[in-house]
Amino acid sequence: MPAFHEVTFPLDVALGASGGPERRTDIVLLGSGREERNARWAHSRRRWDAGYGVRSLAALQAVVAFFEERRGRLHGFRFRDRLDHASAPAGAAPSPTDQPIGTGDGERRVFALVKTYGTGESAYVRPVVKPVAGSVRVAVAGVETTAFASDATTGLATFDTAPPPGAAITAGFLFDVPVRFDTDRLDVNLTSFAAGDIPSIPLVEIRP
């Protein structure tokens, strides 16, 4: 049965990956020349090709072993997107006030981690379901607290006691993306005894 493996794709190979977010939009051209556009996906889906990151025989062997353990496309795993893997801006450490994740009502104790892109009505709120263990920091009304538990497998933060009504709940964190291989075959090119490459290692984001 397909499962999700809580292991991270080799970080040195991920550093050289190429890719980013993808969306699905239907466009209908009307007789007047105008367009009707409709978003089929509520959330973007990210794709990468990690083949560019294999620069040594050791990295090549690590990727092949990782691929075999995941049984190709069968099992999901974690991938560190070096462009977008933190709640804070590039170069800054996560802060407990980085991202709004909800408002207290005196009863609710569980809040899901999210990352917001942009501002106003057009802002996109992305679910974060694979935070890095030990990286989550949370604040209630701007004051950091440790009275919560964070689940690194679901992205849920559970408070010991419900935050008071009207209190802004914010969080900072590092996170991975749940992905799977988008192929059941790896083509390995051994150019010499001490070096080689895998021209393409396609990865695609999944929804656990």
N, C-alpha and C. Protein backbone atom coordinates (compact mmCIF):
# COMPACT_ATOMS: atom_id res chain seq x y z
N MET A 1 0.85 -1.20 0.00
CA MET A 1 0.00 0.00 0.00
C MET A 1 0.88 1.24 0.00
N PRO A 2 0.63 2.24 -0.88
CA PRO A 2 1.45 3.44 -0.90
C PRO A 2 1.47 4.14 0.45
N ALA A 3 2.63 4.64 0.83
CA ALA A 3 2.77 5.32 2.11
C ALA A 3 3.65 6.55 1.92
N PHE A 4 3.67 7.38 2.95
CA PHE A 4 4.58 8.52 2.93
C PHE A 4 5.72 8.23 3.87
N HIS A 5 6.94 8.34 3.37
CA HIS A 5 8.13 8.10 4.17
C HIS A 5 8.67 9.43 4.68
N GLU A 6 8.79 9.57 5.98
CA GLU A 6 9.26 10.82 6.58
C GLU A 6 10.79 10.91 6.51
N VAL A 7 11.30 10.87 5.30
CA VAL A 7 12.73 11.02 5.06
C VAL A 7 12.92 12.11 4.01
N THR A 8 14.08 12.75 4.02
CA THR A 8 14.35 13.88 3.14
C THR A 8 15.25 13.49 1.98
N PHE A 9 14.88 13.90 0.79
CA PHE A 9 15.70 13.70 -0.40
C PHE A 9 17.07 14.32 -0.15
N PRO A 10 18.15 13.68 -0.64
CA PRO A 10 19.51 14.19 -0.38
C PRO A 10 19.62 15.70 -0.61
N LEU A 11 20.02 16.42 0.45
CA LEU A 11 20.02 17.88 0.39
C LEU A 11 21.03 18.43 -0.60
N ASP A 12 22.19 17.77 -0.74
CA ASP A 12 23.18 18.29 -1.68
C ASP A 12 22.70 18.20 -3.12
N VAL A 13 21.89 17.18 -3.43
CA VAL A 13 21.32 17.04 -4.77
C VAL A 13 20.17 18.03 -4.95
N ALA A 14 19.37 18.22 -3.91
CA ALA A 14 18.24 19.16 -3.99
C ALA A 14 18.71 20.57 -4.28
N LEU A 15 19.93 20.91 -3.84
CA LEU A 15 20.46 22.25 -4.04
C LEU A 15 20.54 22.61 -5.53
N GLY A 16 20.78 21.62 -6.37
CA GLY A 16 20.92 21.89 -7.79
C GLY A 16 19.65 21.66 -8.60
N ALA A 17 18.52 21.42 -7.94
CA ALA A 17 17.28 21.12 -8.65
C ALA A 17 16.74 22.35 -9.38
N SER A 18 16.02 22.10 -10.47
CA SER A 18 15.39 23.16 -11.25
C SER A 18 13.88 22.92 -11.26
N GLY A 19 13.11 23.97 -10.98
CA GLY A 19 11.65 23.79 -11.00
C GLY A 19 10.95 24.87 -10.22
N GLY A 20 9.65 24.68 -9.98
CA GLY A 20 8.86 25.67 -9.25
C GLY A 20 7.38 25.35 -9.31
N PRO A 21 6.53 26.32 -8.95
CA PRO A 21 5.09 26.08 -8.88
C PRO A 21 4.42 25.99 -10.24
N GLU A 22 3.36 25.19 -10.28
CA GLU A 22 2.56 25.00 -11.50
C GLU A 22 1.10 25.16 -11.12
N ARG A 23 0.32 25.79 -12.01
CA ARG A 23 -1.12 25.92 -11.81
C ARG A 23 -1.86 25.40 -13.03
N ARG A 24 -3.14 25.14 -12.86
CA ARG A 24 -3.96 24.63 -13.95
C ARG A 24 -5.11 25.61 -14.19
N THR A 25 -5.09 26.26 -15.34
CA THR A 25 -6.10 27.27 -15.67
C THR A 25 -6.76 26.93 -17.00
N ASP A 26 -8.08 26.89 -17.01
CA ASP A 26 -8.84 26.70 -18.26
C ASP A 26 -9.08 28.07 -18.89
N ILE A 27 -8.79 28.19 -20.18
CA ILE A 27 -9.01 29.44 -20.90
C ILE A 27 -9.91 29.17 -22.10
N VAL A 28 -11.04 29.86 -22.16
CA VAL A 28 -11.99 29.73 -23.27
C VAL A 28 -12.00 31.03 -24.05
N LEU A 29 -11.69 30.95 -25.34
CA LEU A 29 -11.68 32.12 -26.20
C LEU A 29 -13.08 32.33 -26.77
N LEU A 30 -13.69 33.46 -26.47
CA LEU A 30 -15.03 33.76 -26.92
C LEU A 30 -15.02 34.31 -28.35
N GLY A 31 -16.17 34.31 -28.99
CA GLY A 31 -16.28 34.80 -30.35
C GLY A 31 -15.89 36.25 -30.48
N SER A 32 -16.04 37.01 -29.40
CA SER A 32 -15.70 38.43 -29.41
C SER A 32 -14.20 38.67 -29.32
N GLY A 33 -13.45 37.59 -29.04
CA GLY A 33 -12.02 37.74 -28.84
C GLY A 33 -11.62 37.85 -27.38
N ARG A 34 -12.61 38.00 -26.52
CA ARG A 34 -12.34 38.03 -25.09
C ARG A 34 -12.13 36.62 -24.55
N GLU A 35 -11.60 36.54 -23.33
CA GLU A 35 -11.33 35.25 -22.71
C GLU A 35 -12.15 35.06 -21.45
N GLU A 36 -12.48 33.79 -21.18
CA GLU A 36 -13.01 33.38 -19.88
C GLU A 36 -11.95 32.48 -19.26
N ARG A 37 -11.53 32.82 -18.03
CA ARG A 37 -10.49 32.04 -17.37
C ARG A 37 -11.02 31.47 -16.06
N ASN A 38 -10.67 30.21 -15.81
CA ASN A 38 -11.14 29.53 -14.61
C ASN A 38 -10.00 28.71 -14.01
N ALA A 39 -9.75 28.89 -12.72
CA ALA A 39 -8.71 28.14 -12.03
C ALA A 39 -9.26 26.78 -11.61
N ARG A 40 -8.64 25.71 -12.11
CA ARG A 40 -9.09 24.36 -11.77
C ARG A 40 -8.51 23.88 -10.44
N TRP A 41 -7.38 24.42 -10.04
CA TRP A 41 -6.74 24.02 -8.78
C TRP A 41 -6.80 25.17 -7.78
N ALA A 42 -7.17 24.86 -6.55
CA ALA A 42 -7.14 25.87 -5.49
C ALA A 42 -5.71 26.15 -5.05
N HIS A 43 -4.85 25.14 -5.14
CA HIS A 43 -3.46 25.27 -4.71
C HIS A 43 -2.52 24.93 -5.86
N SER A 44 -1.39 25.60 -5.88
CA SER A 44 -0.38 25.29 -6.89
C SER A 44 0.25 23.94 -6.58
N ARG A 45 0.87 23.36 -7.60
CA ARG A 45 1.57 22.09 -7.46
C ARG A 45 2.99 22.30 -7.99
N ARG A 46 3.97 21.94 -7.21
CA ARG A 46 5.35 22.19 -7.59
C ARG A 46 6.00 20.97 -8.24
N ARG A 47 6.84 21.25 -9.20
CA ARG A 47 7.61 20.21 -9.90
C ARG A 47 9.07 20.61 -9.94
N TRP A 48 9.94 19.63 -9.88
CA TRP A 48 11.38 19.87 -10.00
C TRP A 48 12.03 18.77 -10.82
N ASP A 49 13.19 19.09 -11.37
CA ASP A 49 14.08 18.10 -11.95
C ASP A 49 15.38 18.20 -11.18
N ALA A 50 15.68 17.16 -10.40
CA ALA A 50 16.86 17.18 -9.53
C ALA A 50 18.09 16.59 -10.21
N GLY A 51 17.98 16.26 -11.49
CA GLY A 51 19.12 15.67 -12.18
C GLY A 51 20.32 16.58 -12.22
N TYR A 52 20.08 17.90 -12.24
CA TYR A 52 21.18 18.86 -12.30
C TYR A 52 22.02 18.85 -11.02
N GLY A 53 21.48 18.31 -9.94
CA GLY A 53 22.19 18.34 -8.66
C GLY A 53 23.16 17.19 -8.45
N VAL A 54 23.18 16.20 -9.34
CA VAL A 54 24.08 15.06 -9.19
C VAL A 54 25.43 15.43 -9.77
N ARG A 55 26.42 15.62 -8.89
CA ARG A 55 27.74 16.08 -9.35
C ARG A 55 28.87 15.14 -8.94
N SER A 56 28.56 14.01 -8.37
CA SER A 56 29.60 13.07 -7.96
C SER A 56 29.04 11.66 -7.99
N LEU A 57 29.94 10.70 -7.98
CA LEU A 57 29.51 9.30 -7.95
C LEU A 57 28.79 8.98 -6.64
N ALA A 58 29.25 9.59 -5.55
CA ALA A 58 28.60 9.36 -4.25
C ALA A 58 27.16 9.86 -4.26
N ALA A 59 26.94 11.05 -4.86
CA ALA A 59 25.58 11.59 -4.95
C ALA A 59 24.71 10.73 -5.84
N LEU A 60 25.30 10.24 -6.93
CA LEU A 60 24.56 9.37 -7.84
C LEU A 60 24.10 8.10 -7.12
N GLN A 61 25.02 7.49 -6.38
CA GLN A 61 24.67 6.26 -5.65
C GLN A 61 23.62 6.53 -4.58
N ALA A 62 23.70 7.69 -3.93
CA ALA A 62 22.72 8.03 -2.90
C ALA A 62 21.33 8.18 -3.50
N VAL A 63 21.25 8.81 -4.68
CA VAL A 63 19.95 8.99 -5.34
C VAL A 63 19.37 7.65 -5.78
N VAL A 64 20.20 6.78 -6.34
CA VAL A 64 19.73 5.46 -6.77
C VAL A 64 19.20 4.68 -5.58
N ALA A 65 19.93 4.70 -4.46
CA ALA A 65 19.48 3.99 -3.25
C ALA A 65 18.17 4.57 -2.74
N PHE A 66 18.06 5.91 -2.76
CA PHE A 66 16.84 6.57 -2.30
C PHE A 66 15.66 6.20 -3.19
N PHE A 67 15.90 6.17 -4.50
CA PHE A 67 14.87 5.79 -5.47
C PHE A 67 14.39 4.37 -5.23
N GLU A 68 15.32 3.46 -4.99
CA GLU A 68 14.95 2.06 -4.76
C GLU A 68 14.15 1.90 -3.47
N GLU A 69 14.55 2.62 -2.43
CA GLU A 69 13.82 2.54 -1.16
C GLU A 69 12.38 3.04 -1.30
N ARG A 70 12.19 4.04 -2.15
CA ARG A 70 10.84 4.59 -2.35
C ARG A 70 10.05 3.78 -3.36
N ARG A 71 10.68 2.79 -4.00
CA ARG A 71 10.03 1.95 -5.02
C ARG A 71 9.53 2.80 -6.20
N GLY A 72 10.38 3.73 -6.64
CA GLY A 72 9.99 4.59 -7.75
C GLY A 72 8.89 5.55 -7.34
N ARG A 73 7.78 5.55 -8.05
CA ARG A 73 6.68 6.49 -7.79
C ARG A 73 5.78 6.08 -6.64
N LEU A 74 6.04 4.92 -6.03
CA LEU A 74 5.09 4.36 -5.07
C LEU A 74 4.95 5.18 -3.79
N HIS A 75 6.08 5.54 -3.17
CA HIS A 75 6.03 6.18 -1.86
C HIS A 75 6.50 7.63 -1.91
N GLY A 76 5.82 8.49 -1.17
CA GLY A 76 6.18 9.89 -1.09
C GLY A 76 7.31 10.11 -0.10
N PHE A 77 7.88 11.32 -0.13
CA PHE A 77 8.99 11.67 0.77
C PHE A 77 9.10 13.19 0.84
N ARG A 78 10.02 13.68 1.66
CA ARG A 78 10.24 15.11 1.84
C ARG A 78 11.28 15.65 0.86
N PHE A 79 11.04 16.88 0.40
CA PHE A 79 11.99 17.55 -0.48
C PHE A 79 12.19 18.97 0.02
N ARG A 80 13.46 19.39 0.16
CA ARG A 80 13.76 20.74 0.62
C ARG A 80 13.94 21.66 -0.59
N ASP A 81 12.97 22.55 -0.77
CA ASP A 81 13.03 23.53 -1.85
C ASP A 81 13.94 24.66 -1.40
N ARG A 82 15.14 24.75 -1.96
CA ARG A 82 16.10 25.74 -1.48
C ARG A 82 15.64 27.17 -1.75
N LEU A 83 14.71 27.37 -2.67
CA LEU A 83 14.19 28.71 -2.95
C LEU A 83 13.14 29.12 -1.93
N ASP A 84 12.37 28.17 -1.42
CA ASP A 84 11.21 28.49 -0.60
C ASP A 84 11.00 27.40 0.44
N HIS A 85 11.68 27.52 1.59
CA HIS A 85 11.57 26.49 2.62
C HIS A 85 11.48 27.08 4.03
N ALA A 86 11.13 28.37 4.12
CA ALA A 86 11.05 29.02 5.42
C ALA A 86 9.91 30.02 5.47
N SER A 87 9.44 30.29 6.67
CA SER A 87 8.36 31.28 6.86
C SER A 87 8.87 32.70 6.73
N ALA A 88 10.16 32.88 6.91
CA ALA A 88 10.76 34.21 6.89
C ALA A 88 11.32 34.53 5.51
N PRO A 89 11.60 35.81 5.23
CA PRO A 89 12.24 36.18 3.96
C PRO A 89 13.60 35.53 3.83
N ALA A 90 14.10 35.44 2.61
CA ALA A 90 15.39 34.81 2.34
C ALA A 90 16.49 35.43 3.20
N GLY A 91 17.27 34.56 3.84
CA GLY A 91 18.39 35.02 4.64
C GLY A 91 18.07 35.30 6.09
N ALA A 92 16.78 35.32 6.44
CA ALA A 92 16.37 35.61 7.82
C ALA A 92 15.97 34.32 8.52
N ALA A 93 16.21 34.28 9.83
CA ALA A 93 15.81 33.11 10.63
C ALA A 93 14.31 33.20 10.93
N PRO A 94 13.64 32.04 11.02
CA PRO A 94 12.21 32.06 11.35
C PRO A 94 11.93 32.76 12.68
N SER A 95 10.88 33.57 12.68
CA SER A 95 10.46 34.30 13.88
C SER A 95 9.04 33.84 14.24
N PRO A 96 8.66 33.85 15.51
CA PRO A 96 7.31 33.41 15.89
C PRO A 96 6.19 34.30 15.37
N THR A 97 6.54 35.45 14.80
CA THR A 97 5.51 36.35 14.27
C THR A 97 5.52 36.42 12.74
N ASP A 98 6.19 35.48 12.09
CA ASP A 98 6.32 35.52 10.62
C ASP A 98 4.98 35.41 9.88
N GLN A 99 4.18 34.39 10.24
CA GLN A 99 2.98 34.07 9.47
C GLN A 99 1.73 34.00 10.35
N PRO A 100 0.64 34.67 9.97
CA PRO A 100 -0.61 34.51 10.72
C PRO A 100 -1.23 33.14 10.43
N ILE A 101 -1.62 32.42 11.46
CA ILE A 101 -2.22 31.10 11.25
C ILE A 101 -3.62 31.00 11.87
N GLY A 102 -4.12 32.07 12.46
CA GLY A 102 -5.47 32.02 13.00
C GLY A 102 -5.70 33.05 14.09
N THR A 103 -6.90 33.02 14.64
CA THR A 103 -7.30 33.93 15.72
C THR A 103 -7.96 33.11 16.82
N GLY A 104 -7.56 33.34 18.04
CA GLY A 104 -8.12 32.60 19.16
C GLY A 104 -9.59 32.89 19.38
N ASP A 105 -10.32 31.88 19.88
CA ASP A 105 -11.73 32.08 20.23
C ASP A 105 -12.05 31.57 21.62
N GLY A 106 -11.01 31.20 22.38
CA GLY A 106 -11.22 30.70 23.73
C GLY A 106 -11.52 29.22 23.81
N GLU A 107 -11.74 28.56 22.66
CA GLU A 107 -12.05 27.13 22.64
C GLU A 107 -11.13 26.32 21.74
N ARG A 108 -10.78 26.89 20.61
CA ARG A 108 -9.96 26.17 19.63
C ARG A 108 -8.51 26.05 20.10
N ARG A 109 -7.96 24.84 20.02
CA ARG A 109 -6.59 24.59 20.45
C ARG A 109 -5.67 24.20 19.30
N VAL A 110 -6.23 23.76 18.17
CA VAL A 110 -5.42 23.24 17.07
C VAL A 110 -5.44 24.22 15.89
N PHE A 111 -4.26 24.57 15.42
CA PHE A 111 -4.12 25.50 14.29
C PHE A 111 -3.17 24.89 13.27
N ALA A 112 -3.51 25.04 11.99
CA ALA A 112 -2.69 24.50 10.90
C ALA A 112 -1.69 25.55 10.44
N LEU A 113 -0.46 25.12 10.20
CA LEU A 113 0.56 26.03 9.70
C LEU A 113 0.27 26.39 8.24
N VAL A 114 0.46 27.65 7.90
CA VAL A 114 0.29 28.11 6.53
C VAL A 114 1.35 29.17 6.23
N LYS A 115 1.57 29.42 4.94
CA LYS A 115 2.44 30.52 4.52
C LYS A 115 1.65 31.36 3.51
N THR A 116 1.63 32.67 3.73
CA THR A 116 0.86 33.57 2.87
C THR A 116 1.78 34.29 1.89
N TYR A 117 1.36 34.30 0.62
CA TYR A 117 2.10 34.99 -0.43
C TYR A 117 1.28 36.18 -0.90
N GLY A 118 1.87 37.37 -0.86
CA GLY A 118 1.16 38.56 -1.27
C GLY A 118 0.32 39.14 -0.14
N THR A 119 -0.47 40.15 -0.47
CA THR A 119 -1.31 40.82 0.52
C THR A 119 -2.70 41.08 -0.05
N GLY A 120 -3.61 41.42 0.83
CA GLY A 120 -4.95 41.79 0.39
C GLY A 120 -5.79 40.61 -0.08
N GLU A 121 -6.81 40.91 -0.87
CA GLU A 121 -7.76 39.89 -1.30
C GLU A 121 -7.14 38.85 -2.23
N SER A 122 -6.10 39.23 -2.96
CA SER A 122 -5.50 38.31 -3.91
C SER A 122 -4.39 37.45 -3.29
N ALA A 123 -4.13 37.60 -2.00
CA ALA A 123 -3.08 36.82 -1.35
C ALA A 123 -3.38 35.33 -1.45
N TYR A 124 -2.31 34.54 -1.61
CA TYR A 124 -2.45 33.08 -1.66
C TYR A 124 -1.97 32.47 -0.36
N VAL A 125 -2.80 31.64 0.26
CA VAL A 125 -2.47 30.99 1.53
C VAL A 125 -2.15 29.53 1.24
N ARG A 126 -0.91 29.17 1.46
CA ARG A 126 -0.42 27.82 1.16
C ARG A 126 -0.37 26.95 2.41
N PRO A 127 -1.01 25.79 2.43
CA PRO A 127 -0.90 24.89 3.57
C PRO A 127 0.53 24.38 3.71
N VAL A 128 1.02 24.31 4.93
CA VAL A 128 2.35 23.76 5.21
C VAL A 128 2.15 22.52 6.06
N VAL A 129 2.35 21.36 5.46
CA VAL A 129 2.03 20.10 6.14
C VAL A 129 3.25 19.32 6.58
N LYS A 130 4.46 19.78 6.19
CA LYS A 130 5.67 19.05 6.57
C LYS A 130 6.72 20.01 7.16
N PRO A 131 6.42 20.62 8.32
CA PRO A 131 7.43 21.48 8.94
C PRO A 131 8.63 20.65 9.39
N VAL A 132 9.77 21.30 9.47
CA VAL A 132 10.97 20.62 9.96
C VAL A 132 10.86 20.48 11.48
N ALA A 133 11.06 19.28 11.98
CA ALA A 133 10.93 19.02 13.41
C ALA A 133 11.85 19.94 14.21
N GLY A 134 11.29 20.55 15.26
CA GLY A 134 12.06 21.42 16.13
C GLY A 134 12.21 22.84 15.65
N SER A 135 11.68 23.16 14.46
CA SER A 135 11.86 24.51 13.92
C SER A 135 10.68 25.44 14.19
N VAL A 136 9.56 24.91 14.63
CA VAL A 136 8.33 25.71 14.75
C VAL A 136 8.36 26.58 16.01
N ARG A 137 8.11 27.87 15.80
CA ARG A 137 7.99 28.83 16.89
C ARG A 137 6.62 29.50 16.78
N VAL A 138 5.95 29.71 17.90
CA VAL A 138 4.59 30.23 17.89
C VAL A 138 4.45 31.39 18.86
N ALA A 139 3.60 32.36 18.47
CA ALA A 139 3.31 33.49 19.35
C ALA A 139 1.80 33.69 19.46
N VAL A 140 1.35 34.13 20.61
CA VAL A 140 -0.05 34.48 20.85
C VAL A 140 -0.09 35.97 21.18
N ALA A 141 -0.79 36.72 20.35
CA ALA A 141 -0.86 38.18 20.51
C ALA A 141 0.53 38.80 20.55
N GLY A 142 1.43 38.26 19.72
CA GLY A 142 2.77 38.83 19.61
C GLY A 142 3.77 38.36 20.63
N VAL A 143 3.35 37.52 21.56
CA VAL A 143 4.25 37.03 22.61
C VAL A 143 4.55 35.54 22.38
N GLU A 144 5.82 35.21 22.25
CA GLU A 144 6.18 33.82 21.98
C GLU A 144 5.82 32.92 23.16
N THR A 145 5.35 31.71 22.83
CA THR A 145 4.98 30.73 23.85
C THR A 145 5.56 29.37 23.49
N THR A 146 5.81 28.58 24.51
CA THR A 146 6.26 27.20 24.31
C THR A 146 5.19 26.20 24.75
N ALA A 147 4.02 26.72 25.11
CA ALA A 147 2.94 25.86 25.60
C ALA A 147 2.13 25.29 24.44
N PHE A 148 2.82 24.58 23.55
CA PHE A 148 2.15 23.96 22.42
C PHE A 148 2.99 22.78 21.94
N ALA A 149 2.38 21.93 21.14
CA ALA A 149 3.07 20.81 20.52
C ALA A 149 2.90 20.91 19.02
N SER A 150 3.97 20.67 18.28
CA SER A 150 3.92 20.76 16.83
C SER A 150 4.11 19.37 16.23
N ASP A 151 3.24 19.02 15.29
CA ASP A 151 3.32 17.72 14.61
C ASP A 151 4.04 17.91 13.28
N ALA A 152 5.25 17.37 13.17
CA ALA A 152 6.06 17.53 11.96
C ALA A 152 5.53 16.72 10.78
N THR A 153 4.56 15.84 11.01
CA THR A 153 4.01 15.02 9.92
C THR A 153 2.72 15.57 9.35
N THR A 154 2.10 16.54 10.05
CA THR A 154 0.82 17.09 9.58
C THR A 154 0.80 18.61 9.48
N GLY A 155 1.73 19.28 10.17
CA GLY A 155 1.72 20.74 10.18
C GLY A 155 0.73 21.34 11.14
N LEU A 156 0.26 20.58 12.10
CA LEU A 156 -0.70 21.08 13.08
C LEU A 156 0.02 21.47 14.37
N ALA A 157 -0.35 22.64 14.92
CA ALA A 157 0.16 23.10 16.20
C ALA A 157 -0.97 23.04 17.21
N THR A 158 -0.76 22.33 18.31
CA THR A 158 -1.80 22.13 19.32
C THR A 158 -1.38 22.81 20.62
N PHE A 159 -2.17 23.77 21.07
CA PHE A 159 -1.87 24.49 22.30
C PHE A 159 -2.30 23.69 23.53
N ASP A 160 -1.57 23.87 24.62
CA ASP A 160 -1.95 23.22 25.88
C ASP A 160 -3.31 23.73 26.35
N THR A 161 -3.53 25.02 26.19
CA THR A 161 -4.83 25.62 26.50
C THR A 161 -5.23 26.54 25.35
N ALA A 162 -6.50 26.69 25.12
CA ALA A 162 -6.98 27.48 23.99
C ALA A 162 -6.58 28.95 24.14
N PRO A 163 -6.04 29.56 23.09
CA PRO A 163 -5.72 30.99 23.13
C PRO A 163 -6.99 31.81 23.38
N PRO A 164 -6.86 32.96 24.02
CA PRO A 164 -8.03 33.78 24.36
C PRO A 164 -8.71 34.36 23.11
N PRO A 165 -9.99 34.70 23.22
CA PRO A 165 -10.72 35.27 22.09
C PRO A 165 -10.05 36.53 21.54
N GLY A 166 -9.95 36.58 20.21
CA GLY A 166 -9.39 37.76 19.56
C GLY A 166 -7.88 37.80 19.47
N ALA A 167 -7.18 36.85 20.10
CA ALA A 167 -5.71 36.86 20.09
C ALA A 167 -5.19 36.38 18.74
N ALA A 168 -4.28 37.14 18.14
CA ALA A 168 -3.68 36.74 16.86
C ALA A 168 -2.67 35.62 17.10
N ILE A 169 -2.80 34.54 16.34
CA ILE A 169 -1.88 33.41 16.45
C ILE A 169 -0.94 33.45 15.26
N THR A 170 0.35 33.49 15.51
CA THR A 170 1.34 33.54 14.45
C THR A 170 2.39 32.46 14.66
N ALA A 171 3.14 32.17 13.58
CA ALA A 171 4.14 31.11 13.68
C ALA A 171 5.28 31.35 12.71
N GLY A 172 6.43 30.79 13.04
CA GLY A 172 7.59 30.77 12.16
C GLY A 172 8.14 29.36 12.10
N PHE A 173 8.72 28.98 10.97
CA PHE A 173 9.12 27.58 10.82
C PHE A 173 9.97 27.40 9.56
N LEU A 174 10.64 26.26 9.50
CA LEU A 174 11.23 25.74 8.28
C LEU A 174 10.32 24.61 7.80
N PHE A 175 10.31 24.33 6.51
CA PHE A 175 9.43 23.27 6.06
C PHE A 175 9.96 22.57 4.80
N ASP A 176 9.50 21.35 4.62
CA ASP A 176 9.77 20.56 3.42
C ASP A 176 8.48 20.46 2.60
N VAL A 177 8.62 19.97 1.38
CA VAL A 177 7.47 19.76 0.50
C VAL A 177 7.27 18.25 0.34
N PRO A 178 6.03 17.75 0.49
CA PRO A 178 5.78 16.33 0.24
C PRO A 178 5.78 16.07 -1.27
N VAL A 179 6.62 15.16 -1.72
CA VAL A 179 6.74 14.87 -3.15
C VAL A 179 6.84 13.37 -3.39
N ARG A 180 6.86 13.00 -4.65
CA ARG A 180 7.18 11.63 -5.07
C ARG A 180 7.99 11.73 -6.36
N PHE A 181 8.67 10.64 -6.70
CA PHE A 181 9.29 10.59 -8.01
C PHE A 181 8.19 10.56 -9.08
N ASP A 182 8.42 11.25 -10.18
CA ASP A 182 7.44 11.24 -11.26
C ASP A 182 7.92 10.34 -12.40
N THR A 183 8.61 9.29 -12.03
CA THR A 183 9.07 8.29 -12.99
C THR A 183 9.33 6.99 -12.25
N ASP A 184 9.21 5.88 -12.94
CA ASP A 184 9.56 4.58 -12.38
C ASP A 184 10.89 4.07 -12.95
N ARG A 185 11.62 4.98 -13.60
CA ARG A 185 12.88 4.59 -14.23
C ARG A 185 13.91 5.70 -14.10
N LEU A 186 15.12 5.33 -13.73
CA LEU A 186 16.24 6.27 -13.71
C LEU A 186 17.25 5.84 -14.77
N ASP A 187 17.61 6.76 -15.64
CA ASP A 187 18.63 6.50 -16.65
C ASP A 187 19.96 7.04 -16.14
N VAL A 188 20.85 6.14 -15.75
CA VAL A 188 22.14 6.52 -15.19
C VAL A 188 23.21 6.50 -16.27
N ASN A 189 23.96 7.58 -16.34
CA ASN A 189 25.04 7.69 -17.32
C ASN A 189 26.38 7.69 -16.59
N LEU A 190 27.17 6.62 -16.75
CA LEU A 190 28.48 6.53 -16.13
C LEU A 190 29.53 6.97 -17.13
N THR A 191 29.94 8.22 -17.03
CA THR A 191 30.90 8.76 -17.98
C THR A 191 32.32 8.31 -17.68
N SER A 192 32.57 7.94 -16.43
CA SER A 192 33.88 7.40 -16.06
C SER A 192 33.72 6.61 -14.78
N PHE A 193 34.80 5.99 -14.31
CA PHE A 193 34.71 5.17 -13.11
C PHE A 193 34.36 6.01 -11.88
N ALA A 194 34.84 7.26 -11.83
CA ALA A 194 34.67 8.09 -10.64
C ALA A 194 33.58 9.15 -10.78
N ALA A 195 32.90 9.17 -11.91
CA ALA A 195 31.87 10.21 -12.10
C ALA A 195 30.73 9.66 -12.94
N GLY A 196 29.62 10.33 -12.86
CA GLY A 196 28.46 9.92 -13.63
C GLY A 196 27.35 10.92 -13.42
N ASP A 197 26.20 10.70 -14.08
CA ASP A 197 25.09 11.61 -13.89
C ASP A 197 23.78 10.90 -14.20
N ILE A 198 22.70 11.50 -13.75
CA ILE A 198 21.35 11.05 -14.07
C ILE A 198 20.69 12.25 -14.74
N PRO A 199 20.57 12.24 -16.06
CA PRO A 199 20.09 13.42 -16.79
C PRO A 199 18.79 14.00 -16.26
N SER A 200 17.87 13.14 -15.79
CA SER A 200 16.58 13.65 -15.33
C SER A 200 16.10 12.88 -14.11
N ILE A 201 15.75 13.64 -13.06
CA ILE A 201 15.14 13.05 -11.86
C ILE A 201 13.89 13.87 -11.56
N PRO A 202 12.77 13.59 -12.24
CA PRO A 202 11.57 14.39 -12.05
C PRO A 202 10.87 14.11 -10.73
N LEU A 203 10.53 15.19 -10.02
CA LEU A 203 9.81 15.11 -8.75
C LEU A 203 8.55 15.95 -8.85
N VAL A 204 7.48 15.51 -8.21
CA VAL A 204 6.23 16.26 -8.25
C VAL A 204 5.62 16.31 -6.86
N GLU A 205 5.07 17.46 -6.48
CA GLU A 205 4.44 17.63 -5.17
C GLU A 205 3.17 16.78 -5.09
N ILE A 206 2.91 16.25 -3.90
CA ILE A 206 1.70 15.46 -3.66
C ILE A 206 0.94 16.06 -2.48
N ARG A 207 -0.34 15.74 -2.43
CA ARG A 207 -1.18 16.14 -1.30
C ARG A 207 -1.40 14.94 -0.41
N PRO A 208 -0.75 14.91 0.76
CA PRO A 208 -0.87 13.74 1.65
C PRO A 208 -2.33 13.50 2.05
